[in-house]
Protein backbone atom coordinates (compact mmCIF):
# COMPACT_ATOMS: atom_id res chain seq x y z
CA UNK A 1 125.03 -78.54 -53.54
CA UNK A 2 124.62 -78.03 -49.77
CA UNK A 3 121.26 -76.95 -48.38
CA UNK A 4 121.50 -74.01 -45.99
CA UNK A 5 118.61 -72.60 -43.96
CA UNK A 6 118.98 -69.33 -42.05
CA UNK A 7 115.98 -68.14 -40.06
CA UNK A 8 115.43 -65.58 -37.30
CA UNK A 9 112.88 -65.70 -34.52
CA UNK A 10 111.99 -63.04 -32.00
CA UNK A 11 110.96 -63.58 -28.40
CA UNK A 12 110.70 -67.39 -28.25
CA UNK A 13 111.25 -68.91 -24.83
CA UNK A 14 114.42 -70.97 -24.46
CA UNK A 15 112.67 -74.35 -24.41
CA UNK A 16 110.70 -73.65 -27.59
CA UNK A 17 113.78 -72.37 -29.43
CA UNK A 18 115.80 -75.44 -28.38
CA UNK A 19 113.03 -77.75 -29.57
CA UNK A 20 112.87 -76.03 -32.97
CA UNK A 21 116.65 -76.12 -33.46
CA UNK A 22 116.88 -79.79 -32.43
CA UNK A 23 114.05 -80.60 -34.84
CA UNK A 24 115.89 -78.93 -37.70
CA UNK A 25 118.99 -80.97 -36.94
CA UNK A 26 117.02 -84.20 -36.96
CA UNK A 27 114.99 -83.49 -40.10
CA UNK A 28 117.15 -81.36 -42.39
CA UNK A 29 120.07 -82.69 -44.42
CA UNK A 30 122.37 -79.70 -44.65
CA UNK A 31 123.17 -76.75 -42.44
CA UNK A 32 120.64 -74.81 -40.40
CA UNK A 33 121.32 -71.56 -38.61
CA UNK A 34 118.56 -70.27 -36.36
CA UNK A 35 118.57 -67.20 -34.17
CA UNK A 36 116.24 -65.98 -31.46
CA UNK A 37 116.46 -62.44 -30.14
CA UNK A 38 114.80 -60.24 -27.60
CA UNK A 39 115.55 -56.63 -26.77
CA UNK A 40 118.75 -57.44 -24.85
CA UNK A 41 120.41 -60.53 -26.33
CA UNK A 42 120.33 -63.16 -29.01
CA UNK A 43 120.83 -66.91 -29.20
CA UNK A 44 122.19 -68.73 -32.23
CA UNK A 45 121.79 -72.45 -32.93
CA UNK A 46 123.63 -74.25 -35.73
CA UNK A 47 123.09 -77.80 -36.89
CA UNK A 48 125.22 -79.57 -39.49
CA UNK A 49 124.32 -82.95 -41.00
CA UNK A 50 126.76 -85.63 -39.90
CA UNK A 51 127.75 -86.20 -43.55
CA UNK A 52 129.04 -82.60 -43.72
CA UNK A 53 130.94 -82.41 -40.42
CA UNK A 54 134.18 -83.40 -42.13
CA UNK A 55 133.99 -80.12 -44.08
CA UNK A 56 132.29 -77.78 -41.62
CA UNK A 57 131.82 -77.96 -37.87
CA UNK A 58 128.79 -76.44 -36.16
CA UNK A 59 131.02 -75.00 -33.44
CA UNK A 60 133.22 -73.16 -35.95
CA UNK A 61 130.22 -71.65 -37.69
CA UNK A 62 128.38 -70.66 -34.50
CA UNK A 63 131.51 -68.99 -33.13
CA UNK A 64 132.02 -67.02 -36.36
CA UNK A 65 128.44 -65.74 -36.21
CA UNK A 66 128.53 -65.08 -32.47
CA UNK A 67 131.80 -63.14 -32.67
CA UNK A 68 130.14 -60.72 -35.09
CA UNK A 69 127.25 -60.29 -32.62
CA UNK A 70 129.33 -59.80 -29.47
CA UNK A 71 129.27 -63.34 -28.14
CA UNK A 72 130.69 -66.84 -28.16
CA UNK A 73 129.53 -70.41 -27.96
CA UNK A 74 130.35 -74.02 -28.54
CA UNK A 75 129.05 -77.52 -28.93
CA UNK A 76 129.49 -80.67 -30.95
CA UNK A 77 130.54 -80.91 -34.62
CA UNK A 78 126.88 -81.44 -35.59
CA UNK A 79 125.14 -79.05 -33.13
CA UNK A 80 126.31 -75.88 -31.42
CA UNK A 81 124.78 -72.87 -29.67
CA UNK A 82 125.99 -69.39 -28.83
CA UNK A 83 124.81 -66.18 -27.29
CA UNK A 84 125.35 -62.65 -28.48
CA UNK A 85 124.90 -59.36 -26.71
CA UNK A 86 124.68 -57.11 -29.81
CA UNK A 87 121.18 -57.83 -31.16
CA UNK A 88 121.55 -55.08 -33.77
CA UNK A 89 124.55 -56.89 -35.29
CA UNK A 90 122.73 -60.22 -35.57
CA UNK A 91 121.26 -59.69 -39.07
CA UNK A 92 124.67 -58.87 -40.56
CA UNK A 93 126.23 -61.79 -38.68
CA UNK A 94 123.61 -64.16 -40.11
CA UNK A 95 124.26 -62.75 -43.58
CA UNK A 96 127.87 -64.00 -43.30
CA UNK A 97 126.74 -67.64 -43.15
CA UNK A 98 126.58 -68.19 -46.91
CA UNK A 99 130.14 -67.00 -47.50
CA UNK A 100 131.49 -69.05 -44.58
CA UNK A 101 129.79 -72.21 -45.84
CA UNK A 102 130.96 -71.63 -49.43
CA UNK A 103 134.56 -71.23 -48.26
CA UNK A 104 134.46 -74.52 -46.34
CA UNK A 105 132.37 -76.73 -48.60
CA UNK A 106 133.48 -75.73 -52.10
């Protein structure tokens, strides 16, 4: 019953990526996980609707994903960002989102 969006970008500048992730948080009721990677590193942004923050915190989710991609992060219960140094591990890390959300929400 919870909407989850996971999407990857490549090569966006930091300002553009931040604007996109903030827009998702403002417009989407659910959980969004966005990543942006270049050849050397990746950035992960997670937004969680305020109605869901009692079940899942953006910071917990972003840290789970980032740990799998060689990084760490933090933020508020409804919005968090992280960096990761292992760009090759990012797709598998993003694939873990569904299981993490199911464990927390169901």
